[in-house]
């Protein structure tokens, strides 16, 4: 069974590195990680992009809020 972790984020530059580190320390063999960014303007996307690994997908697209972003990540 694959574990899917979705982080929906908008303008949380201070927290994205911490959230990503929490995911990366999980000891799960089959895991995927998706970050849904609703068009942040605080440099958050650049920080996330610099830290992404092969198991992380960073999506930058407009959405209608937290639930829309989360559902987009789940659909992927």
PDB file of N, CA and C in Angstrom:
ATOM      1  N   UNK A   1       0.838  -1.169   0.000  1.00  0.00           N
ATOM      2  CA  UNK A   1       0.000   0.000   0.000  1.00  0.00           C
ATOM      3  C   UNK A   1       0.890   1.241   0.000  1.00  0.00           C
ATOM      4  N   UNK A   2       0.548   2.217  -0.810  1.00  0.00           N
ATOM      5  CA  UNK A   2       1.313   3.452  -0.914  1.00  0.00           C
ATOM      6  C   UNK A   2       0.731   4.503   0.035  1.00  0.00           C
ATOM      7  N   UNK A   3       1.618   5.209   0.720  1.00  0.00           N
ATOM      8  CA  UNK A   3       1.224   6.328   1.571  1.00  0.00           C
ATOM      9  C   UNK A   3       1.373   7.604   0.762  1.00  0.00           C
ATOM     10  N   UNK A   4       0.303   8.389   0.694  1.00  0.00           N
ATOM     11  CA  UNK A   4       0.331   9.673  -0.007  1.00  0.00           C
ATOM     12  C   UNK A   4       0.179  10.789   1.015  1.00  0.00           C
ATOM     13  N   UNK A   5       1.118  11.733   0.992  1.00  0.00           N
ATOM     14  CA  UNK A   5       1.081  12.883   1.895  1.00  0.00           C
ATOM     15  C   UNK A   5       0.875  14.124   1.043  1.00  0.00           C
ATOM     16  N   UNK A   6      -0.173  14.881   1.355  1.00  0.00           N
ATOM     17  CA  UNK A   6      -0.483  16.100   0.621  1.00  0.00           C
ATOM     18  C   UNK A   6      -0.355  17.281   1.576  1.00  0.00           C
ATOM     19  N   UNK A   7       0.421  18.276   1.168  1.00  0.00           N
ATOM     20  CA  UNK A   7       0.523  19.524   1.922  1.00  0.00           C
ATOM     21  C   UNK A   7      -0.064  20.621   1.042  1.00  0.00           C
ATOM     22  N   UNK A   8      -1.142  21.243   1.507  1.00  0.00           N
ATOM     23  CA  UNK A   8      -1.735  22.379   0.811  1.00  0.00           C
ATOM     24  C   UNK A   8      -1.232  23.633   1.524  1.00  0.00           C
ATOM     25  N   UNK A   9      -0.600  24.519   0.767  1.00  0.00           N
ATOM     26  CA  UNK A   9       0.056  25.660   1.410  1.00  0.00           C
ATOM     27  C   UNK A   9      -0.063  26.915   0.554  1.00  0.00           C
ATOM     28  N   UNK A  10      -0.190  28.038   1.239  1.00  0.00           N
ATOM     29  CA  UNK A  10      -0.212  29.339   0.584  1.00  0.00           C
ATOM     30  C   UNK A  10       0.455  30.352   1.509  1.00  0.00           C
ATOM     31  N   UNK A  11       1.549  30.932   1.061  1.00  0.00           N
ATOM     32  CA  UNK A  11       2.271  31.960   1.809  1.00  0.00           C
ATOM     33  C   UNK A  11       2.642  31.536   3.236  1.00  0.00           C
ATOM     34  N   UNK A  12       3.289  30.407   3.379  1.00  0.00           N
ATOM     35  CA  UNK A  12       3.799  29.957   4.683  1.00  0.00           C
ATOM     36  C   UNK A  12       5.272  29.621   4.556  1.00  0.00           C
ATOM     37  N   UNK A  13       6.035  30.592   4.165  1.00  0.00           N
ATOM     38  CA  UNK A  13       7.471  30.414   3.970  1.00  0.00           C
ATOM     39  C   UNK A  13       8.164  29.869   5.216  1.00  0.00           C
ATOM     40  N   UNK A  14       7.744  30.327   6.375  1.00  0.00           N
ATOM     41  CA  UNK A  14       8.388  29.927   7.633  1.00  0.00           C
ATOM     42  C   UNK A  14       8.151  28.459   7.975  1.00  0.00           C
ATOM     43  N   UNK A  15       7.090  27.876   7.477  1.00  0.00           N
ATOM     44  CA  UNK A  15       6.715  26.527   7.892  1.00  0.00           C
ATOM     45  C   UNK A  15       6.978  25.432   6.869  1.00  0.00           C
ATOM     46  N   UNK A  16       7.184  25.763   5.608  1.00  0.00           N
ATOM     47  CA  UNK A  16       7.277  24.720   4.590  1.00  0.00           C
ATOM     48  C   UNK A  16       8.472  23.803   4.802  1.00  0.00           C
ATOM     49  N   UNK A  17       9.614  24.345   5.182  1.00  0.00           N
ATOM     50  CA  UNK A  17      10.796  23.508   5.405  1.00  0.00           C
ATOM     51  C   UNK A  17      10.561  22.537   6.556  1.00  0.00           C
ATOM     52  N   UNK A  18       9.923  23.008   7.611  1.00  0.00           N
ATOM     53  CA  UNK A  18       9.623  22.146   8.762  1.00  0.00           C
ATOM     54  C   UNK A  18       8.661  21.033   8.354  1.00  0.00           C
ATOM     55  N   UNK A  19       7.621  21.390   7.619  1.00  0.00           N
ATOM     56  CA  UNK A  19       6.646  20.390   7.179  1.00  0.00           C
ATOM     57  C   UNK A  19       7.295  19.344   6.281  1.00  0.00           C
ATOM     58  N   UNK A  20       8.148  19.788   5.363  1.00  0.00           N
ATOM     59  CA  UNK A  20       8.816  18.846   4.465  1.00  0.00           C
ATOM     60  C   UNK A  20       9.771  17.935   5.232  1.00  0.00           C
ATOM     61  N   UNK A  21      10.490  18.477   6.194  1.00  0.00           N
ATOM     62  CA  UNK A  21      11.391  17.657   7.009  1.00  0.00           C
ATOM     63  C   UNK A  21      10.626  16.585   7.767  1.00  0.00           C
ATOM     64  N   UNK A  22       9.440  16.919   8.230  1.00  0.00           N
ATOM     65  CA  UNK A  22       8.615  15.943   8.963  1.00  0.00           C
ATOM     66  C   UNK A  22       8.213  14.776   8.057  1.00  0.00           C
ATOM     67  N   UNK A  23       7.956  15.072   6.809  1.00  0.00           N
ATOM     68  CA  UNK A  23       7.596  14.019   5.853  1.00  0.00           C
ATOM     69  C   UNK A  23       8.814  13.166   5.523  1.00  0.00           C
ATOM     70  N   UNK A  24       9.960  13.806   5.319  1.00  0.00           N
ATOM     71  CA  UNK A  24      11.150  13.086   4.891  1.00  0.00           C
ATOM     72  C   UNK A  24      11.687  12.116   5.944  1.00  0.00           C
ATOM     73  N   UNK A  25      11.372  12.317   7.220  1.00  0.00           N
ATOM     74  CA  UNK A  25      11.880  11.408   8.248  1.00  0.00           C
ATOM     75  C   UNK A  25      11.006  10.167   8.419  1.00  0.00           C
ATOM     76  N   UNK A  26       9.867  10.114   7.740  1.00  0.00           N
ATOM     77  CA  UNK A  26       9.009   8.936   7.835  1.00  0.00           C
ATOM     78  C   UNK A  26       9.707   7.729   7.237  1.00  0.00           C
ATOM     79  N   UNK A  27       9.591   6.607   7.891  1.00  0.00           N
ATOM     80  CA  UNK A  27      10.218   5.371   7.413  1.00  0.00           C
ATOM     81  C   UNK A  27       9.173   4.517   6.697  1.00  0.00           C
ATOM     82  N   UNK A  28       8.782   4.975   5.536  1.00  0.00           N
ATOM     83  CA  UNK A  28       7.780   4.280   4.735  1.00  0.00           C
ATOM     84  C   UNK A  28       8.413   3.974   3.381  1.00  0.00           C
ATOM     85  N   UNK A  29       8.375   2.719   3.002  1.00  0.00           N
ATOM     86  CA  UNK A  29       9.038   2.298   1.764  1.00  0.00           C
ATOM     87  C   UNK A  29       8.355   2.862   0.523  1.00  0.00           C
ATOM     88  N   UNK A  30       7.047   2.839   0.476  1.00  0.00           N
ATOM     89  CA  UNK A  30       6.312   3.260  -0.709  1.00  0.00           C
ATOM     90  C   UNK A  30       5.498   4.508  -0.363  1.00  0.00           C
ATOM     91  N   UNK A  31       6.081   5.683  -0.613  1.00  0.00           N
ATOM     92  CA  UNK A  31       5.437   6.928  -0.227  1.00  0.00           C
ATOM     93  C   UNK A  31       5.580   7.946  -1.350  1.00  0.00           C
ATOM     94  N   UNK A  32       4.553   8.763  -1.510  1.00  0.00           N
ATOM     95  CA  UNK A  32       4.620   9.895  -2.415  1.00  0.00           C
ATOM     96  C   UNK A  32       4.228  11.139  -1.639  1.00  0.00           C
ATOM     97  N   UNK A  33       4.774  12.275  -2.040  1.00  0.00           N
ATOM     98  CA  UNK A  33       4.579  13.522  -1.329  1.00  0.00           C
ATOM     99  C   UNK A  33       4.214  14.592  -2.345  1.00  0.00           C
ATOM    100  N   UNK A  34       3.098  15.257  -2.133  1.00  0.00           N
ATOM    101  CA  UNK A  34       2.637  16.286  -3.047  1.00  0.00           C
ATOM    102  C   UNK A  34       2.442  17.591  -2.295  1.00  0.00           C
ATOM    103  N   UNK A  35       3.016  18.667  -2.819  1.00  0.00           N
ATOM    104  CA  UNK A  35       2.824  19.991  -2.247  1.00  0.00           C
ATOM    105  C   UNK A  35       1.994  20.784  -3.238  1.00  0.00           C
ATOM    106  N   UNK A  36       0.834  21.229  -2.806  1.00  0.00           N
ATOM    107  CA  UNK A  36      -0.061  22.036  -3.621  1.00  0.00           C
ATOM    108  C   UNK A  36       0.098  23.480  -3.171  1.00  0.00           C
ATOM    109  N   UNK A  37       0.646  24.311  -4.041  1.00  0.00           N
ATOM    110  CA  UNK A  37       0.892  25.711  -3.731  1.00  0.00           C
ATOM    111  C   UNK A  37      -0.061  26.566  -4.544  1.00  0.00           C
ATOM    112  N   UNK A  38      -0.870  27.342  -3.860  1.00  0.00           N
ATOM    113  CA  UNK A  38      -1.879  28.159  -4.523  1.00  0.00           C
ATOM    114  C   UNK A  38      -1.378  29.474  -5.075  1.00  0.00           C
ATOM    115  N   UNK A  39      -0.095  29.578  -5.394  1.00  0.00           N
ATOM    116  CA  UNK A  39       0.438  30.808  -5.972  1.00  0.00           C
ATOM    117  C   UNK A  39       1.047  31.729  -4.932  1.00  0.00           C
ATOM    118  N   UNK A  40       1.742  31.179  -3.981  1.00  0.00           N
ATOM    119  CA  UNK A  40       2.362  31.972  -2.917  1.00  0.00           C
ATOM    120  C   UNK A  40       3.263  33.064  -3.481  1.00  0.00           C
ATOM    121  N   UNK A  41       3.299  34.192  -2.778  1.00  0.00           N
ATOM    122  CA  UNK A  41       4.125  35.311  -3.195  1.00  0.00           C
ATOM    123  C   UNK A  41       5.165  35.682  -2.142  1.00  0.00           C
ATOM    124  N   UNK A  42       5.435  34.794  -1.209  1.00  0.00           N
ATOM    125  CA  UNK A  42       6.370  35.110  -0.123  1.00  0.00           C
ATOM    126  C   UNK A  42       7.688  34.343  -0.218  1.00  0.00           C
ATOM    127  N   UNK A  43       7.936  33.685  -1.353  1.00  0.00           N
ATOM    128  CA  UNK A  43       9.165  32.914  -1.521  1.00  0.00           C
ATOM    129  C   UNK A  43       9.040  31.466  -1.069  1.00  0.00           C
ATOM    130  N   UNK A  44       7.875  31.065  -0.613  1.00  0.00           N
ATOM    131  CA  UNK A  44       7.648  29.696  -0.134  1.00  0.00           C
ATOM    132  C   UNK A  44       7.908  28.674  -1.238  1.00  0.00           C
ATOM    133  N   UNK A  45       7.431  28.941  -2.434  1.00  0.00           N
ATOM    134  CA  UNK A  45       7.571  27.972  -3.529  1.00  0.00           C
ATOM    135  C   UNK A  45       9.039  27.743  -3.875  1.00  0.00           C
ATOM    136  N   UNK A  46       9.848  28.777  -3.809  1.00  0.00           N
ATOM    137  CA  UNK A  46      11.267  28.640  -4.109  1.00  0.00           C
ATOM    138  C   UNK A  46      11.964  27.778  -3.064  1.00  0.00           C
ATOM    139  N   UNK A  47      11.607  27.968  -1.804  1.00  0.00           N
ATOM    140  CA  UNK A  47      12.177  27.143  -0.738  1.00  0.00           C
ATOM    141  C   UNK A  47      11.771  25.684  -0.937  1.00  0.00           C
ATOM    142  N   UNK A  48      10.499  25.453  -1.219  1.00  0.00           N
ATOM    143  CA  UNK A  48      10.014  24.090  -1.434  1.00  0.00           C
ATOM    144  C   UNK A  48      10.695  23.467  -2.644  1.00  0.00           C
ATOM    145  N   UNK A  49      10.837  24.225  -3.705  1.00  0.00           N
ATOM    146  CA  UNK A  49      11.464  23.705  -4.925  1.00  0.00           C
ATOM    147  C   UNK A  49      12.907  23.282  -4.659  1.00  0.00           C
ATOM    148  N   UNK A  50      13.639  24.080  -3.904  1.00  0.00           N
ATOM    149  CA  UNK A  50      15.032  23.765  -3.586  1.00  0.00           C
ATOM    150  C   UNK A  50      15.172  22.509  -2.735  1.00  0.00           C
ATOM    151  N   UNK A  51      14.138  22.160  -1.974  1.00  0.00           N
ATOM    152  CA  UNK A  51      14.208  21.030  -1.054  1.00  0.00           C
ATOM    153  C   UNK A  51      13.522  19.771  -1.588  1.00  0.00           C
ATOM    154  N   UNK A  52      12.889  19.841  -2.738  1.00  0.00           N
ATOM    155  CA  UNK A  52      12.145  18.677  -3.227  1.00  0.00           C
ATOM    156  C   UNK A  52      13.083  17.549  -3.616  1.00  0.00           C
ATOM    157  N   UNK A  53      12.652  16.350  -3.296  1.00  0.00           N
ATOM    158  CA  UNK A  53      13.382  15.149  -3.664  1.00  0.00           C
ATOM    159  C   UNK A  53      12.632  14.430  -4.763  1.00  0.00           C
ATOM    160  N   UNK A  54      13.119  13.267  -5.119  1.00  0.00           N
ATOM    161  CA  UNK A  54      12.494  12.536  -6.217  1.00  0.00           C
ATOM    162  C   UNK A  54      11.088  12.077  -5.883  1.00  0.00           C
ATOM    163  N   UNK A  55      10.765  11.938  -4.582  1.00  0.00           N
ATOM    164  CA  UNK A  55       9.436  11.475  -4.188  1.00  0.00           C
ATOM    165  C   UNK A  55       8.466  12.632  -3.968  1.00  0.00           C
ATOM    166  N   UNK A  56       8.902  13.866  -4.192  1.00  0.00           N
ATOM    167  CA  UNK A  56       8.065  15.036  -3.946  1.00  0.00           C
ATOM    168  C   UNK A  56       7.675  15.713  -5.246  1.00  0.00           C
ATOM    169  N   UNK A  57       6.394  16.017  -5.354  1.00  0.00           N
ATOM    170  CA  UNK A  57       5.887  16.768  -6.497  1.00  0.00           C
ATOM    171  C   UNK A  57       5.439  18.133  -5.997  1.00  0.00           C
ATOM    172  N   UNK A  58       5.889  19.185  -6.617  1.00  0.00           N
ATOM    173  CA  UNK A  58       5.479  20.543  -6.274  1.00  0.00           C
ATOM    174  C   UNK A  58       4.606  21.072  -7.397  1.00  0.00           C
ATOM    175  N   UNK A  59       3.363  21.398  -7.060  1.00  0.00           N
ATOM    176  CA  UNK A  59       2.415  21.938  -8.040  1.00  0.00           C
ATOM    177  C   UNK A  59       2.097  23.374  -7.677  1.00  0.00           C
ATOM    178  N   UNK A  60       2.315  24.270  -8.622  1.00  0.00           N
ATOM    179  CA  UNK A  60       2.007  25.680  -8.418  1.00  0.00           C
ATOM    180  C   UNK A  60       0.858  26.051  -9.344  1.00  0.00           C
ATOM    181  N   UNK A  61      -0.325  26.221  -8.771  1.00  0.00           N
ATOM    182  CA  UNK A  61      -1.487  26.580  -9.567  1.00  0.00           C
ATOM    183  C   UNK A  61      -2.526  27.241  -8.678  1.00  0.00           C
ATOM    184  N   UNK A  62      -3.289  28.126  -9.267  1.00  0.00           N
ATOM    185  CA  UNK A  62      -4.352  28.806  -8.525  1.00  0.00           C
ATOM    186  C   UNK A  62      -5.406  27.789  -8.103  1.00  0.00           C
ATOM    187  N   UNK A  63      -5.964  28.020  -6.937  1.00  0.00           N
ATOM    188  CA  UNK A  63      -7.035  27.155  -6.447  1.00  0.00           C
ATOM    189  C   UNK A  63      -8.048  28.019  -5.707  1.00  0.00           C
ATOM    190  N   UNK A  64      -9.081  27.378  -5.196  1.00  0.00           N
ATOM    191  CA  UNK A  64     -10.150  28.099  -4.497  1.00  0.00           C
ATOM    192  C   UNK A  64     -10.024  28.005  -2.987  1.00  0.00           C
ATOM    193  N   UNK A  65      -8.855  27.661  -2.504  1.00  0.00           N
ATOM    194  CA  UNK A  65      -8.666  27.576  -1.057  1.00  0.00           C
ATOM    195  C   UNK A  65      -8.125  26.225  -0.634  1.00  0.00           C
ATOM    196  N   UNK A  66      -8.043  26.057   0.679  1.00  0.00           N
ATOM    197  CA  UNK A  66      -7.430  24.878   1.272  1.00  0.00           C
ATOM    198  C   UNK A  66      -8.048  23.567   0.793  1.00  0.00           C
ATOM    199  N   UNK A  67      -9.362  23.472   0.822  1.00  0.00           N
ATOM    200  CA  UNK A  67     -10.008  22.205   0.468  1.00  0.00           C
ATOM    201  C   UNK A  67      -9.842  21.890  -1.016  1.00  0.00           C
ATOM    202  N   UNK A  68      -9.916  22.899  -1.843  1.00  0.00           N
ATOM    203  CA  UNK A  68      -9.696  22.690  -3.276  1.00  0.00           C
ATOM    204  C   UNK A  68      -8.267  22.195  -3.520  1.00  0.00           C
ATOM    205  N   UNK A  69      -7.293  22.828  -2.883  1.00  0.00           N
ATOM    206  CA  UNK A  69      -5.893  22.418  -3.042  1.00  0.00           C
ATOM    207  C   UNK A  69      -5.676  20.991  -2.538  1.00  0.00           C
ATOM    208  N   UNK A  70      -6.243  20.669  -1.396  1.00  0.00           N
ATOM    209  CA  UNK A  70      -6.099  19.319  -0.842  1.00  0.00           C
ATOM    210  C   UNK A  70      -6.724  18.288  -1.775  1.00  0.00           C
ATOM    211  N   UNK A  71      -7.898  18.563  -2.276  1.00  0.00           N
ATOM    212  CA  UNK A  71      -8.554  17.628  -3.202  1.00  0.00           C
ATOM    213  C   UNK A  71      -7.778  17.466  -4.496  1.00  0.00           C
ATOM    214  N   UNK A  72      -7.162  18.527  -4.983  1.00  0.00           N
ATOM    215  CA  UNK A  72      -6.319  18.413  -6.182  1.00  0.00           C
ATOM    216  C   UNK A  72      -5.133  17.493  -5.914  1.00  0.00           C
ATOM    217  N   UNK A  73      -4.530  17.633  -4.756  1.00  0.00           N
ATOM    218  CA  UNK A  73      -3.406  16.761  -4.393  1.00  0.00           C
ATOM    219  C   UNK A  73      -3.822  15.314  -4.272  1.00  0.00           C
ATOM    220  N   UNK A  74      -4.981  15.080  -3.707  1.00  0.00           N
ATOM    221  CA  UNK A  74      -5.479  13.708  -3.551  1.00  0.00           C
ATOM    222  C   UNK A  74      -5.772  13.099  -4.928  1.00  0.00           C
ATOM    223  N   UNK A  75      -6.374  13.872  -5.809  1.00  0.00           N
ATOM    224  CA  UNK A  75      -6.670  13.360  -7.166  1.00  0.00           C
ATOM    225  C   UNK A  75      -5.397  12.978  -7.911  1.00  0.00           C
ATOM    226  N   UNK A  76      -4.307  13.690  -7.683  1.00  0.00           N
ATOM    227  CA  UNK A  76      -3.040  13.365  -8.355  1.00  0.00           C
ATOM    228  C   UNK A  76      -2.497  12.083  -7.797  1.00  0.00           C
TER     229      UNK A  76
END
